[in-house]
PDB file of N, CA and C in Angstrom:
ATOM      1  N   SER A   1     100.816  87.988 112.355  1.00  0.00           N
ATOM      2  CA  SER A   1     101.634  88.234 113.530  1.00  0.00           C
ATOM      3  C   SER A   1     102.801  89.148 113.163  1.00  0.00           C
ATOM      4  N   GLN A   2     103.414  89.715 114.155  1.00  0.00           N
ATOM      5  CA  GLN A   2     104.546  90.608 113.924  1.00  0.00           C
ATOM      6  C   GLN A   2     105.721  89.860 113.287  1.00  0.00           C
ATOM      7  N   ALA A   3     105.887  88.589 113.646  1.00  0.00           N
ATOM      8  CA  ALA A   3     106.967  87.792 113.053  1.00  0.00           C
ATOM      9  C   ALA A   3     106.746  87.615 111.549  1.00  0.00           C
ATOM     10  N   GLU A   4     105.511  87.445 111.143  1.00  0.00           N
ATOM     11  CA  GLU A   4     105.204  87.316 109.709  1.00  0.00           C
ATOM     12  C   GLU A   4     105.470  88.625 108.972  1.00  0.00           C
ATOM     13  N   TRP A   5     105.086  89.752 109.575  1.00  0.00           N
ATOM     14  CA  TRP A   5     105.371  91.064 108.975  1.00  0.00           C
ATOM     15  C   TRP A   5     106.878  91.224 108.797  1.00  0.00           C
ATOM     16  N   GLU A   6     107.631  90.876 109.838  1.00  0.00           N
ATOM     17  CA  GLU A   6     109.077  91.024 109.791  1.00  0.00           C
ATOM     18  C   GLU A   6     109.687  90.146 108.695  1.00  0.00           C
ATOM     19  N   GLN A   7     109.229  88.908 108.606  1.00  0.00           N
ATOM     20  CA  GLN A   7     109.744  87.997 107.581  1.00  0.00           C
ATOM     21  C   GLN A   7     109.442  88.533 106.179  1.00  0.00           C
ATOM     22  N   LEU A   8     108.233  89.031 105.981  1.00  0.00           N
ATOM     23  CA  LEU A   8     107.871  89.570 104.673  1.00  0.00           C
ATOM     24  C   LEU A   8     108.733  90.769 104.298  1.00  0.00           C
ATOM     25  N   LEU A   9     108.881  91.698 105.209  1.00  0.00           N
ATOM     26  CA  LEU A   9     109.630  92.918 104.914  1.00  0.00           C
ATOM     27  C   LEU A   9     111.133  92.698 104.767  1.00  0.00           C
ATOM     28  N   THR A  10     111.691  91.761 105.504  1.00  0.00           N
ATOM     29  CA  THR A  10     113.131  91.554 105.434  1.00  0.00           C
ATOM     30  C   THR A  10     113.543  90.684 104.252  1.00  0.00           C
ATOM     31  N   ASN A  11     112.618  89.925 103.697  1.00  0.00           N
ATOM     32  CA  ASN A  11     112.975  88.995 102.619  1.00  0.00           C
ATOM     33  C   ASN A  11     112.411  89.382 101.259  1.00  0.00           C
ATOM     34  N   CYS A  12     112.028  90.618 101.078  1.00  0.00           N
ATOM     35  CA  CYS A  12     111.440  91.002  99.798  1.00  0.00           C
ATOM     36  C   CYS A  12     112.180  92.196  99.208  1.00  0.00           C
ATOM     37  N   SER A  13     112.049  92.336  97.901  1.00  0.00           N
ATOM     38  CA  SER A  13     112.619  93.524  97.269  1.00  0.00           C
ATOM     39  C   SER A  13     111.552  94.592  97.081  1.00  0.00           C
ATOM     40  N   ALA A  14     110.287  94.173  97.118  1.00  0.00           N
ATOM     41  CA  ALA A  14     109.165  95.116  97.045  1.00  0.00           C
ATOM     42  C   ALA A  14     108.052  94.596  97.945  1.00  0.00           C
ATOM     43  N   PHE A  15     107.395  95.513  98.639  1.00  0.00           N
ATOM     44  CA  PHE A  15     106.331  95.146  99.570  1.00  0.00           C
ATOM     45  C   PHE A  15     105.110  96.007  99.283  1.00  0.00           C
ATOM     46  N   LEU A  16     103.970  95.361  99.112  1.00  0.00           N
ATOM     47  CA  LEU A  16     102.714  96.058  98.861  1.00  0.00           C
ATOM     48  C   LEU A  16     101.764  95.785 100.016  1.00  0.00           C
ATOM     49  N   PHE A  17     101.323  96.849 100.681  1.00  0.00           N
ATOM     50  CA  PHE A  17     100.300  96.727 101.716  1.00  0.00           C
ATOM     51  C   PHE A  17      99.018  97.321 101.163  1.00  0.00           C
ATOM     52  N   TYR A  18      97.991  96.512 101.100  1.00  0.00           N
ATOM     53  CA  TYR A  18      96.687  96.929 100.593  1.00  0.00           C
ATOM     54  C   TYR A  18      95.679  96.575 101.670  1.00  0.00           C
ATOM     55  N   GLY A  19      95.265  97.578 102.454  1.00  0.00           N
ATOM     56  CA  GLY A  19      94.403  97.256 103.579  1.00  0.00           C
ATOM     57  C   GLY A  19      93.630  98.436 104.122  1.00  0.00           C
ATOM     58  N   MET A  20      92.890  98.152 105.156  1.00  0.00           N
ATOM     59  CA  MET A  20      92.030  99.138 105.792  1.00  0.00           C
ATOM     60  C   MET A  20      92.848 100.017 106.747  1.00  0.00           C
ATOM     61  N   GLU A  21      92.438 101.256 106.832  1.00  0.00           N
ATOM     62  CA  GLU A  21      93.011 102.240 107.756  1.00  0.00           C
ATOM     63  C   GLU A  21      94.520 102.363 107.599  1.00  0.00           C
ATOM     64  N   ARG A  22      95.225 102.653 108.666  1.00  0.00           N
ATOM     65  CA  ARG A  22      96.658 102.950 108.598  1.00  0.00           C
ATOM     66  C   ARG A  22      97.510 101.679 108.707  1.00  0.00           C
ATOM     67  N   PHE A  23      98.561 101.607 107.902  1.00  0.00           N
ATOM     68  CA  PHE A  23      99.506 100.492 107.970  1.00  0.00           C
ATOM     69  C   PHE A  23     100.033 100.343 109.393  1.00  0.00           C
ATOM     70  N   MET A  24     100.372 101.462 110.034  1.00  0.00           N
ATOM     71  CA  MET A  24     100.961 101.421 111.371  1.00  0.00           C
ATOM     72  C   MET A  24      99.991 100.938 112.445  1.00  0.00           C
ATOM     73  N   SER A  25      98.700 100.889 112.139  1.00  0.00           N
ATOM     74  CA  SER A  25      97.761 100.339 113.118  1.00  0.00           C
ATOM     75  C   SER A  25      97.798  98.813 113.100  1.00  0.00           C
ATOM     76  N   HIS A  26      98.511  98.241 112.141  1.00  0.00           N
ATOM     77  CA  HIS A  26      98.614  96.787 112.028  1.00  0.00           C
ATOM     78  C   HIS A  26      99.953  96.243 112.528  1.00  0.00           C
ATOM     79  N   VAL A  27     100.918  97.122 112.742  1.00  0.00           N
ATOM     80  CA  VAL A  27     102.245  96.683 113.198  1.00  0.00           C
ATOM     81  C   VAL A  27     102.615  97.425 114.478  1.00  0.00           C
ATOM     82  N   LEU A  28     103.530  96.862 115.221  1.00  0.00           N
ATOM     83  CA  LEU A  28     103.989  97.493 116.454  1.00  0.00           C
ATOM     84  C   LEU A  28     105.086  98.501 116.148  1.00  0.00           C
ATOM     85  N   LEU A  29     104.965  99.678 116.708  1.00  0.00           N
ATOM     86  CA  LEU A  29     105.941 100.745 116.477  1.00  0.00           C
ATOM     87  C   LEU A  29     107.343 100.313 116.903  1.00  0.00           C
ATOM     88  N   ASN A  30     107.471  99.751 118.091  1.00  0.00           N
ATOM     89  CA  ASN A  30     108.785  99.323 118.590  1.00  0.00           C
ATOM     90  C   ASN A  30     109.423  98.307 117.650  1.00  0.00           C
ATOM     91  N   TRP A  31     108.614  97.450 117.084  1.00  0.00           N
ATOM     92  CA  TRP A  31     109.110  96.433 116.162  1.00  0.00           C
ATOM     93  C   TRP A  31     109.619  97.084 114.877  1.00  0.00           C
ATOM     94  N   LEU A  32     108.870  98.023 114.327  1.00  0.00           N
ATOM     95  CA  LEU A  32     109.265  98.662 113.076  1.00  0.00           C
ATOM     96  C   LEU A  32     110.539  99.495 113.252  1.00  0.00           C
ATOM     97  N   VAL A  33     110.644 100.201 114.352  1.00  0.00           N
ATOM     98  CA  VAL A  33     111.809 101.044 114.613  1.00  0.00           C
ATOM     99  C   VAL A  33     113.076 100.189 114.697  1.00  0.00           C
ATOM    100  N   ALA A  34     112.963  98.977 115.186  1.00  0.00           N
ATOM    101  CA  ALA A  34     114.121  98.095 115.336  1.00  0.00           C
ATOM    102  C   ALA A  34     114.438  97.300 114.070  1.00  0.00           C
ATOM    103  N   MET A  35     113.595  97.401 113.043  1.00  0.00           N
ATOM    104  CA  MET A  35     113.786  96.611 111.820  1.00  0.00           C
ATOM    105  C   MET A  35     114.967  97.116 111.003  1.00  0.00           C
ATOM    106  N   ASN A  36     115.504  96.207 110.193  1.00  0.00           N
ATOM    107  CA  ASN A  36     116.550  96.529 109.232  1.00  0.00           C
ATOM    108  C   ASN A  36     116.127  95.873 107.923  1.00  0.00           C
ATOM    109  N   ILE A  37     115.658  96.691 106.958  1.00  0.00           N
ATOM    110  CA  ILE A  37     115.103  96.139 105.724  1.00  0.00           C
ATOM    111  C   ILE A  37     115.775  96.714 104.463  1.00  0.00           C
ATOM    112  N   PRO A  38     117.096  96.629 104.380  1.00  0.00           N
ATOM    113  CA  PRO A  38     117.775  97.219 103.225  1.00  0.00           C
ATOM    114  C   PRO A  38     117.485  96.506 101.906  1.00  0.00           C
ATOM    115  N   LYS A  39     117.059  95.241 101.950  1.00  0.00           N
ATOM    116  CA  LYS A  39     116.725  94.519 100.713  1.00  0.00           C
ATOM    117  C   LYS A  39     115.422  95.021 100.104  1.00  0.00           C
ATOM    118  N   CYS A  40     114.587  95.633 100.923  1.00  0.00           N
ATOM    119  CA  CYS A  40     113.275  96.105 100.466  1.00  0.00           C
ATOM    120  C   CYS A  40     113.461  97.445  99.753  1.00  0.00           C
ATOM    121  N   ARG A  41     113.498  97.415  98.452  1.00  0.00           N
ATOM    122  CA  ARG A  41     113.765  98.614  97.655  1.00  0.00           C
ATOM    123  C   ARG A  41     112.526  99.478  97.447  1.00  0.00           C
ATOM    124  N   LEU A  42     111.335  98.882  97.551  1.00  0.00           N
ATOM    125  CA  LEU A  42     110.096  99.633  97.311  1.00  0.00           C
ATOM    126  C   LEU A  42     109.002  99.164  98.261  1.00  0.00           C
ATOM    127  N   VAL A  43     108.383 100.104  98.948  1.00  0.00           N
ATOM    128  CA  VAL A  43     107.220  99.833  99.789  1.00  0.00           C
ATOM    129  C   VAL A  43     106.068 100.655  99.229  1.00  0.00           C
ATOM    130  N   ILE A  44     104.976  99.974  98.895  1.00  0.00           N
ATOM    131  CA  ILE A  44     103.775 100.650  98.415  1.00  0.00           C
ATOM    132  C   ILE A  44     102.697 100.450  99.475  1.00  0.00           C
ATOM    133  N   LEU A  45     102.231 101.546 100.044  1.00  0.00           N
ATOM    134  CA  LEU A  45     101.189 101.486 101.064  1.00  0.00           C
ATOM    135  C   LEU A  45      99.883 102.013 100.486  1.00  0.00           C
ATOM    136  N   LEU A  46      99.000 101.107 100.157  1.00  0.00           N
ATOM    137  CA  LEU A  46      97.656 101.488  99.718  1.00  0.00           C
ATOM    138  C   LEU A  46      96.722 101.194 100.892  1.00  0.00           C
ATOM    139  N   ASP A  47      96.876 101.993 101.901  1.00  0.00           N
ATOM    140  CA  ASP A  47      96.082 101.859 103.111  1.00  0.00           C
ATOM    141  C   ASP A  47      95.085 103.008 103.164  1.00  0.00           C
ATOM    142  N   LEU A  48      94.704 103.402 104.312  1.00  0.00           N
ATOM    143  CA  LEU A  48      93.794 104.534 104.528  1.00  0.00           C
ATOM    144  C   LEU A  48      92.412 104.332 103.904  1.00  0.00           C
ATOM    145  N   VAL A  49      92.034 103.088 103.635  1.00  0.00           N
ATOM    146  CA  VAL A  49      90.667 102.810 103.205  1.00  0.00           C
ATOM    147  C   VAL A  49      89.794 102.862 104.450  1.00  0.00           C
ATOM    148  N   ARG A  50      88.722 103.592 104.357  1.00  0.00           N
ATOM    149  CA  ARG A  50      87.885 103.801 105.533  1.00  0.00           C
ATOM    150  C   ARG A  50      86.462 103.346 105.263  1.00  0.00           C
ATOM    151  N   SER A  51      85.953 102.565 106.200  1.00  0.00           N
ATOM    152  CA  SER A  51      84.545 102.192 106.214  1.00  0.00           C
ATOM    153  C   SER A  51      84.008 102.555 107.597  1.00  0.00           C
ATOM    154  N   ARG A  52      82.723 102.467 107.779  1.00  0.00           N
ATOM    155  CA  ARG A  52      82.170 102.793 109.108  1.00  0.00           C
ATOM    156  C   ARG A  52      82.742 101.872 110.171  1.00  0.00           C
ATOM    157  N   GLN A  53      82.831 100.580 109.830  1.00  0.00           N
ATOM    158  CA  GLN A  53      83.371  99.607 110.774  1.00  0.00           C
ATOM    159  C   GLN A  53      84.827  99.905 111.117  1.00  0.00           C
ATOM    160  N   SER A  54      85.636 100.147 110.096  1.00  0.00           N
ATOM    161  CA  SER A  54      87.059 100.387 110.339  1.00  0.00           C
ATOM    162  C   SER A  54      87.252 101.689 111.109  1.00  0.00           C
ATOM    163  N   TYR A  55      86.421 102.693 110.811  1.00  0.00           N
ATOM    164  CA  TYR A  55      86.529 103.964 111.517  1.00  0.00           C
ATOM    165  C   TYR A  55      86.240 103.769 113.009  1.00  0.00           C
ATOM    166  N   ARG A  56      85.223 102.992 113.321  1.00  0.00           N
ATOM    167  CA  ARG A  56      84.900 102.710 114.735  1.00  0.00           C
ATOM    168  C   ARG A  56      86.045 101.949 115.406  1.00  0.00           C
ATOM    169  N   ARG A  57      86.578 100.949 114.692  1.00  0.00           N
ATOM    170  CA  ARG A  57      87.660 100.135 115.251  1.00  0.00           C
ATOM    171  C   ARG A  57      88.895 100.983 115.515  1.00  0.00           C
ATOM    172  N   ILE A  58      89.278 101.820 114.563  1.00  0.00           N
ATOM    173  CA  ILE A  58      90.493 102.618 114.701  1.00  0.00           C
ATOM    174  C   ILE A  58      90.301 103.716 115.758  1.00  0.00           C
ATOM    175  N   THR A  59      89.106 104.285 115.839  1.00  0.00           N
ATOM    176  CA  THR A  59      88.822 105.295 116.859  1.00  0.00           C
ATOM    177  C   THR A  59      88.917 104.682 118.246  1.00  0.00           C
ATOM    178  N   ASN A  60      88.372 103.495 118.404  1.00  0.00           N
ATOM    179  CA  ASN A  60      88.457 102.793 119.683  1.00  0.00           C
ATOM    180  C   ASN A  60      89.908 102.464 120.020  1.00  0.00           C
ATOM    181  N   SER A  61      90.659 102.011 119.039  1.00  0.00           N
ATOM    182  CA  SER A  61      92.067 101.687 119.244  1.00  0.00           C
ATOM    183  C   SER A  61      92.874 102.939 119.597  1.00  0.00           C
ATOM    184  N   ASP A  62      92.612 104.039 118.906  1.00  0.00           N
ATOM    185  CA  ASP A  62      93.348 105.290 119.149  1.00  0.00           C
ATOM    186  C   ASP A  62      93.087 105.870 120.534  1.00  0.00           C
ATOM    187  N   SER A  63      91.917 105.601 121.077  1.00  0.00           N
ATOM    188  CA  SER A  63      91.583 106.157 122.392  1.00  0.00           C
ATOM    189  C   SER A  63      92.475 105.571 123.489  1.00  0.00           C
ATOM    190  N   HIS A  64      93.131 104.449 123.212  1.00  0.00           N
ATOM    191  CA  HIS A  64      94.016 103.807 124.181  1.00  0.00           C
ATOM    192  C   HIS A  64      95.489 104.149 123.925  1.00  0.00           C
ATOM    193  N   LYS A  65      95.752 105.040 122.974  1.00  0.00           N
ATOM    194  CA  LYS A  65      97.120 105.413 122.628  1.00  0.00           C
ATOM    195  C   LYS A  65      97.381 106.865 123.011  1.00  0.00           C
ATOM    196  N   SER A  66      98.641 107.181 123.196  1.00  0.00           N
ATOM    197  CA  SER A  66      99.010 108.569 123.483  1.00  0.00           C
ATOM    198  C   SER A  66      98.929 109.384 122.194  1.00  0.00           C
ATOM    199  N   CYS A  67      98.837 110.711 122.344  1.00  0.00           N
ATOM    200  CA  CYS A  67      98.776 111.591 121.172  1.00  0.00           C
ATOM    201  C   CYS A  67     100.014 111.450 120.289  1.00  0.00           C
ATOM    202  N   PRO A  68     101.229 111.403 120.866  1.00  0.00           N
ATOM    203  CA  PRO A  68     102.403 111.223 120.001  1.00  0.00           C
ATOM    204  C   PRO A  68     102.380 109.880 119.251  1.00  0.00           C
ATOM    205  N   ARG A  69     101.848 108.849 119.878  1.00  0.00           N
ATOM    206  CA  ARG A  69     101.781 107.537 119.227  1.00  0.00           C
ATOM    207  C   ARG A  69     100.830 107.582 118.036  1.00  0.00           C
ATOM    208  N   VAL A  70      99.689 108.239 118.180  1.00  0.00           N
ATOM    209  CA  VAL A  70      98.739 108.368 117.074  1.00  0.00           C
ATOM    210  C   VAL A  70      99.347 109.224 115.962  1.00  0.00           C
ATOM    211  N   ALA A  71     100.061 110.277 116.345  1.00  0.00           N
ATOM    212  CA  ALA A  71     100.672 111.167 115.358  1.00  0.00           C
ATOM    213  C   ALA A  71     101.716 110.448 114.507  1.00  0.00           C
ATOM    214  N   VAL A  72     102.446 109.521 115.086  1.00  0.00           N
ATOM    215  CA  VAL A  72     103.497 108.814 114.356  1.00  0.00           C
ATOM    216  C   VAL A  72     102.915 107.804 113.364  1.00  0.00           C
ATOM    217  N   GLU A  73     101.621 107.572 113.411  1.00  0.00           N
ATOM    218  CA  GLU A  73     100.968 106.656 112.488  1.00  0.00           C
ATOM    219  C   GLU A  73     100.502 107.344 111.209  1.00  0.00           C
ATOM    220  N   GLY A  74     100.772 108.640 111.063  1.00  0.00           N
ATOM    221  CA  GLY A  74     100.385 109.366 109.859  1.00  0.00           C
ATOM    222  C   GLY A  74     101.184 108.899 108.648  1.00  0.00           C
ATOM    223  N   PRO A  75     100.706 109.225 107.446  1.00  0.00           N
ATOM    224  CA  PRO A  75     101.370 108.767 106.217  1.00  0.00           C
ATOM    225  C   PRO A  75     102.831 109.220 106.089  1.00  0.00           C
ATOM    226  N   ALA A  76     103.104 110.488 106.352  1.00  0.00           N
ATOM    227  CA  ALA A  76     104.474 110.996 106.228  1.00  0.00           C
ATOM    228  C   ALA A  76     105.384 110.361 107.282  1.00  0.00           C
ATOM    229  N   GLU A  77     104.877 110.232 108.491  1.00  0.00           N
ATOM    230  CA  GLU A  77     105.657 109.645 109.577  1.00  0.00           C
ATOM    231  C   GLU A  77     105.948 108.167 109.297  1.00  0.00           C
ATOM    232  N   THR A  78     104.963 107.461 108.773  1.00  0.00           N
ATOM    233  CA  THR A  78     105.155 106.050 108.421  1.00  0.00           C
ATOM    234  C   THR A  78     106.218 105.914 107.339  1.00  0.00           C
ATOM    235  N   ALA A  79     106.152 106.779 106.337  1.00  0.00           N
ATOM    236  CA  ALA A  79     107.156 106.750 105.263  1.00  0.00           C
ATOM    237  C   ALA A  79     108.550 107.015 105.830  1.00  0.00           C
ATOM    238  N   MET A  80     108.650 107.955 106.757  1.00  0.00           N
ATOM    239  CA  MET A  80     109.950 108.254 107.363  1.00  0.00           C
ATOM    240  C   MET A  80     110.474 107.059 108.152  1.00  0.00           C
ATOM    241  N   LEU A  81     109.608 106.415 108.924  1.00  0.00           N
ATOM    242  CA  LEU A  81     110.036 105.261 109.712  1.00  0.00           C
ATOM    243  C   LEU A  81     110.493 104.110 108.815  1.00  0.00           C
ATOM    244  N   LEU A  82     109.744 103.851 107.746  1.00  0.00           N
ATOM    245  CA  LEU A  82     110.139 102.794 106.816  1.00  0.00           C
ATOM    246  C   LEU A  82     111.458 103.131 106.129  1.00  0.00           C
ATOM    247  N   SER A  83     111.634 104.386 105.793  1.00  0.00           N
ATOM    248  CA  SER A  83     112.876 104.828 105.173  1.00  0.00           C
ATOM    249  C   SER A  83     114.050 104.668 106.136  1.00  0.00           C
ATOM    250  N   LEU A  84     113.853 105.058 107.384  1.00  0.00           N
ATOM    251  CA  LEU A  84     114.906 104.904 108.393  1.00  0.00           C
ATOM    252  C   LEU A  84     115.236 103.439 108.649  1.00  0.00           C
ATOM    253  N   ALA A  85     114.245 102.554 108.472  1.00  0.00           N
ATOM    254  CA  ALA A  85     114.472 101.118 108.645  1.00  0.00           C
ATOM    255  C   ALA A  85     115.231 100.529 107.461  1.00  0.00           C
ATOM    256  N   GLY A  86     115.340 101.291 106.368  1.00  0.00           N
ATOM    257  CA  GLY A  86     116.130 100.832 105.235  1.00  0.00           C
ATOM    258  C   GLY A  86     115.393 100.697 103.926  1.00  0.00           C
ATOM    259  N   ALA A  87     114.095 100.927 103.898  1.00  0.00           N
ATOM    260  CA  ALA A  87     113.351 100.831 102.638  1.00  0.00           C
ATOM    261  C   ALA A  87     113.892 101.865 101.660  1.00  0.00           C
ATOM    262  N   GLY A  88     114.117 101.440 100.423  1.00  0.00           N
ATOM    263  CA  GLY A  88     114.694 102.331  99.424  1.00  0.00           C
ATOM    264  C   GLY A  88     113.751 103.422  98.972  1.00  0.00           C
ATOM    265  N   SER A  89     112.478 103.108  98.871  1.00  0.00           N
ATOM    266  CA  SER A  89     111.484 104.053  98.373  1.00  0.00           C
ATOM    267  C   SER A  89     110.136 103.697  98.990  1.00  0.00           C
ATOM    268  N   VAL A  90     109.377 104.706  99.349  1.00  0.00           N
ATOM    269  CA  VAL A  90     108.058 104.478  99.940  1.00  0.00           C
ATOM    270  C   VAL A  90     107.029 105.298  99.177  1.00  0.00           C
ATOM    271  N   THR A  91     105.996 104.632  98.707  1.00  0.00           N
ATOM    272  CA  THR A  91     104.870 105.287  98.044  1.00  0.00           C
ATOM    273  C   THR A  91     103.657 105.068  98.932  1.00  0.00           C
ATOM    274  N   ALA A  92     102.993 106.144  99.322  1.00  0.00           N
ATOM    275  CA  ALA A  92     101.873 106.025 100.255  1.00  0.00           C
ATOM    276  C   ALA A  92     100.777 107.024  99.924  1.00  0.00           C
ATOM    277  N   LEU A  93      99.574 106.677 100.323  1.00  0.00           N
ATOM    278  CA  LEU A  93      98.445 107.594 100.185  1.00  0.00           C
ATOM    279  C   LEU A  93      98.555 108.677 101.242  1.00  0.00           C
ATOM    280  N   GLN A  94      97.991 109.818 100.941  1.00  0.00           N
ATOM    281  CA  GLN A  94      98.033 110.932 101.877  1.00  0.00           C
ATOM    282  C   GLN A  94      96.695 111.129 102.589  1.00  0.00           C
ATOM    283  N   TRP A  95      95.591 110.772 101.929  1.00  0.00           N
ATOM    284  CA  TRP A  95      94.265 110.974 102.484  1.00  0.00           C
ATOM    285  C   TRP A  95      93.467 109.681 102.462  1.00  0.00           C
ATOM    286  N   HIS A  96      92.441 109.653 103.299  1.00  0.00           N
ATOM    287  CA  HIS A  96      91.555 108.488 103.347  1.00  0.00           C
ATOM    288  C   HIS A  96      90.814 108.347 102.021  1.00  0.00           C
ATOM    289  N   THR A  97      90.448 107.106 101.705  1.00  0.00           N
ATOM    290  CA  THR A  97      89.832 106.804 100.424  1.00  0.00           C
ATOM    291  C   THR A  97      88.815 105.675 100.589  1.00  0.00           C
ATOM    292  N   SER A  98      88.082 105.399  99.537  1.00  0.00           N
ATOM    293  CA  SER A  98      87.138 104.281  99.552  1.00  0.00           C
ATOM    294  C   SER A  98      87.826 103.048  98.982  1.00  0.00           C
ATOM    295  N   SER A  99      87.263 101.886  99.226  1.00  0.00           N
ATOM    296  CA  SER A  99      87.865 100.661  98.698  1.00  0.00           C
ATOM    297  C   SER A  99      87.831 100.641  97.171  1.00  0.00           C
ATOM    298  N   GLU A 100      86.795 101.227  96.570  1.00  0.00           N
ATOM    299  CA  GLU A 100      86.702 101.275  95.107  1.00  0.00           C
ATOM    300  C   GLU A 100      87.809 102.154  94.513  1.00  0.00           C
ATOM    301  N   GLN A 101      88.017 103.322  95.112  1.00  0.00           N
ATOM    302  CA  GLN A 101      89.072 104.218  94.641  1.00  0.00           C
ATOM    303  C   GLN A 101      90.449 103.580  94.816  1.00  0.00           C
ATOM    304  N   ASN A 102      90.632 102.885  95.923  1.00  0.00           N
ATOM    305  CA  ASN A 102      91.914 102.244  96.182  1.00  0.00           C
ATOM    306  C   ASN A 102      92.175 101.108  95.193  1.00  0.00           C
ATOM    307  N   ALA A 103      91.134 100.346  94.852  1.00  0.00           N
ATOM    308  CA  ALA A 103      91.273  99.269  93.872  1.00  0.00           C
ATOM    309  C   ALA A 103      91.664  99.840  92.510  1.00  0.00           C
ATOM    310  N   ALA A 104      91.069 100.951  92.135  1.00  0.00           N
ATOM    311  CA  ALA A 104      91.404 101.595  90.859  1.00  0.00           C
ATOM    312  C   ALA A 104      92.848 102.085  90.873  1.00  0.00           C
ATOM    313  N   ARG A 105      93.297 102.635  92.004  1.00  0.00           N
ATOM    314  CA  ARG A 105      94.690 103.075  92.125  1.00  0.00           C
ATOM    315  C   ARG A 105      95.653 101.910  91.969  1.00  0.00           C
ATOM    316  N   LEU A 106      95.330 100.810  92.634  1.00  0.00           N
ATOM    317  CA  LEU A 106      96.185  99.632  92.551  1.00  0.00           C
ATOM    318  C   LEU A 106      96.266  99.116  91.120  1.00  0.00           C
ATOM    319  N   GLU A 107      95.140  99.037  90.449  1.00  0.00           N
ATOM    320  CA  GLU A 107      95.117  98.564  89.066  1.00  0.00           C
ATOM    321  C   GLU A 107      95.965  99.466  88.159  1.00  0.00           C
ATOM    322  N   THR A 108      95.783 100.772  88.285  1.00  0.00           N
ATOM    323  CA  THR A 108      96.537 101.723  87.474  1.00  0.00           C
ATOM    324  C   THR A 108      98.032 101.643  87.778  1.00  0.00           C
ATOM    325  N   LEU A 109      98.369 101.574  89.040  1.00  0.00           N
ATOM    326  CA  LEU A 109      99.765 101.517  89.447  1.00  0.00           C
ATOM    327  C   LEU A 109     100.446 100.257  88.901  1.00  0.00           C
ATOM    328  N   LEU A 110      99.815  99.098  89.110  1.00  0.00           N
ATOM    329  CA  LEU A 110     100.410  97.851  88.643  1.00  0.00           C
ATOM    330  C   LEU A 110     100.478  97.780  87.118  1.00  0.00           C
ATOM    331  N   GLU A 111      99.458  98.287  86.452  1.00  0.00           N
ATOM    332  CA  GLU A 111      99.464  98.301  84.995  1.00  0.00           C
ATOM    333  C   GLU A 111     100.648  99.122  84.475  1.00  0.00           C
ATOM    334  N   ASN A 112     100.861 100.283  85.066  1.00  0.00           N
ATOM    335  CA  ASN A 112     101.958 101.142  84.630  1.00  0.00           C
ATOM    336  C   ASN A 112     103.324 100.567  84.991  1.00  0.00           C
ATOM    337  N   LEU A 113     103.430  99.917  86.140  1.00  0.00           N
ATOM    338  CA  LEU A 113     104.703  99.320  86.539  1.00  0.00           C
ATOM    339  C   LEU A 113     105.015  98.061  85.743  1.00  0.00           C
ATOM    340  N   LEU A 114     104.038  97.161  85.641  1.00  0.00           N
ATOM    341  CA  LEU A 114     104.298  95.848  85.070  1.00  0.00           C
ATOM    342  C   LEU A 114     104.041  95.753  83.569  1.00  0.00           C
ATOM    343  N   SER A 115     102.965  96.317  83.095  1.00  0.00           N
ATOM    344  CA  SER A 115     102.634  96.205  81.669  1.00  0.00           C
ATOM    345  C   SER A 115     103.375  97.218  80.817  1.00  0.00           C
ATOM    346  N   PHE A 116     103.441  98.453  81.293  1.00  0.00           N
ATOM    347  CA  PHE A 116     104.050  99.514  80.498  1.00  0.00           C
ATOM    348  C   PHE A 116     105.520  99.727  80.828  1.00  0.00           C
ATOM    349  N   GLY A 117     106.010  99.096  81.902  1.00  0.00           N
ATOM    350  CA  GLY A 117     107.420  99.198  82.263  1.00  0.00           C
ATOM    351  C   GLY A 117     107.865 100.562  82.747  1.00  0.00           C
ATOM    352  N   LYS A 118     106.939 101.326  83.298  1.00  0.00           N
ATOM    353  CA  LYS A 118     107.303 102.654  83.793  1.00  0.00           C
ATOM    354  C   LYS A 118     108.042 102.529  85.121  1.00  0.00           C
ATOM    355  N   THR A 119     108.821 103.549  85.426  1.00  0.00           N
ATOM    356  CA  THR A 119     109.490 103.594  86.719  1.00  0.00           C
ATOM    357  C   THR A 119     108.440 103.876  87.796  1.00  0.00           C
ATOM    358  N   THR A 120     108.827 103.696  89.035  1.00  0.00           N
ATOM    359  CA  THR A 120     107.899 103.960  90.140  1.00  0.00           C
ATOM    360  C   THR A 120     107.433 105.410  90.111  1.00  0.00           C
ATOM    361  N   GLY A 121     108.357 106.322  89.906  1.00  0.00           N
ATOM    362  CA  GLY A 121     108.008 107.745  89.852  1.00  0.00           C
ATOM    363  C   GLY A 121     107.041 108.055  88.724  1.00  0.00           C
ATOM    364  N   GLN A 122     107.269 107.471  87.551  1.00  0.00           N
ATOM    365  CA  GLN A 122     106.371 107.688  86.413  1.00  0.00           C
ATOM    366  C   GLN A 122     104.989 107.110  86.690  1.00  0.00           C
ATOM    367  N   ALA A 123     104.941 105.933  87.311  1.00  0.00           N
ATOM    368  CA  ALA A 123     103.657 105.299  87.618  1.00  0.00           C
ATOM    369  C   ALA A 123     102.873 106.104  88.651  1.00  0.00           C
ATOM    370  N   VAL A 124     103.562 106.630  89.641  1.00  0.00           N
ATOM    371  CA  VAL A 124     102.900 107.458  90.655  1.00  0.00           C
ATOM    372  C   VAL A 124     102.410 108.757  90.021  1.00  0.00           C
ATOM    373  N   ARG A 125     103.193 109.300  89.111  1.00  0.00           N
ATOM    374  CA  ARG A 125     102.793 110.538  88.433  1.00  0.00           C
ATOM    375  C   ARG A 125     101.491 110.350  87.655  1.00  0.00           C
ATOM    376  N   VAL A 126     101.296 109.171  87.053  1.00  0.00           N
ATOM    377  CA  VAL A 126     100.046 108.864  86.359  1.00  0.00           C
ATOM    378  C   VAL A 126      98.871 108.918  87.339  1.00  0.00           C
ATOM    379  N   LEU A 127      99.087 108.433  88.562  1.00  0.00           N
ATOM    380  CA  LEU A 127      98.039 108.459  89.585  1.00  0.00           C
ATOM    381  C   LEU A 127      97.691 109.887  90.003  1.00  0.00           C
ATOM    382  N   GLN A 128      98.659 110.778  89.941  1.00  0.00           N
ATOM    383  CA  GLN A 128      98.428 112.157  90.360  1.00  0.00           C
ATOM    384  C   GLN A 128      97.609 112.941  89.364  1.00  0.00           C
ATOM    385  N   LYS A 129      97.574 112.501  88.112  1.00  0.00           N
ATOM    386  CA  LYS A 129      96.855 113.237  87.066  1.00  0.00           C
ATOM    387  C   LYS A 129      95.373 112.959  87.108  1.00  0.00           C
TER     388      LYS A 129
END
């Protein structure tokens, strides 16, 4: 529920979203715009995983939305909205991916952050190589 999303984001120092399609397709835009999440220093969005089922679901959902509403659900726009809500840093995927590729990204990212003690920027840079 939206209340659970709000509780998670307002009471954490880091938030990881690992899911299908766009993060913004799971939350209400009006709710996110009104949020205040200054305690959340890092948001990692490992979304944009696409399957045939999710593609059909999101296409059906998008057909009921206005063009500007769909546009604001893009990766850059989502990062901007989270930043405006107070998130200190946002790491997000730019293109659609498979669940296998996303799992590998998550493993590499967490290994570099937690095991090797790299900064967020250094860990993301490893993913870019």
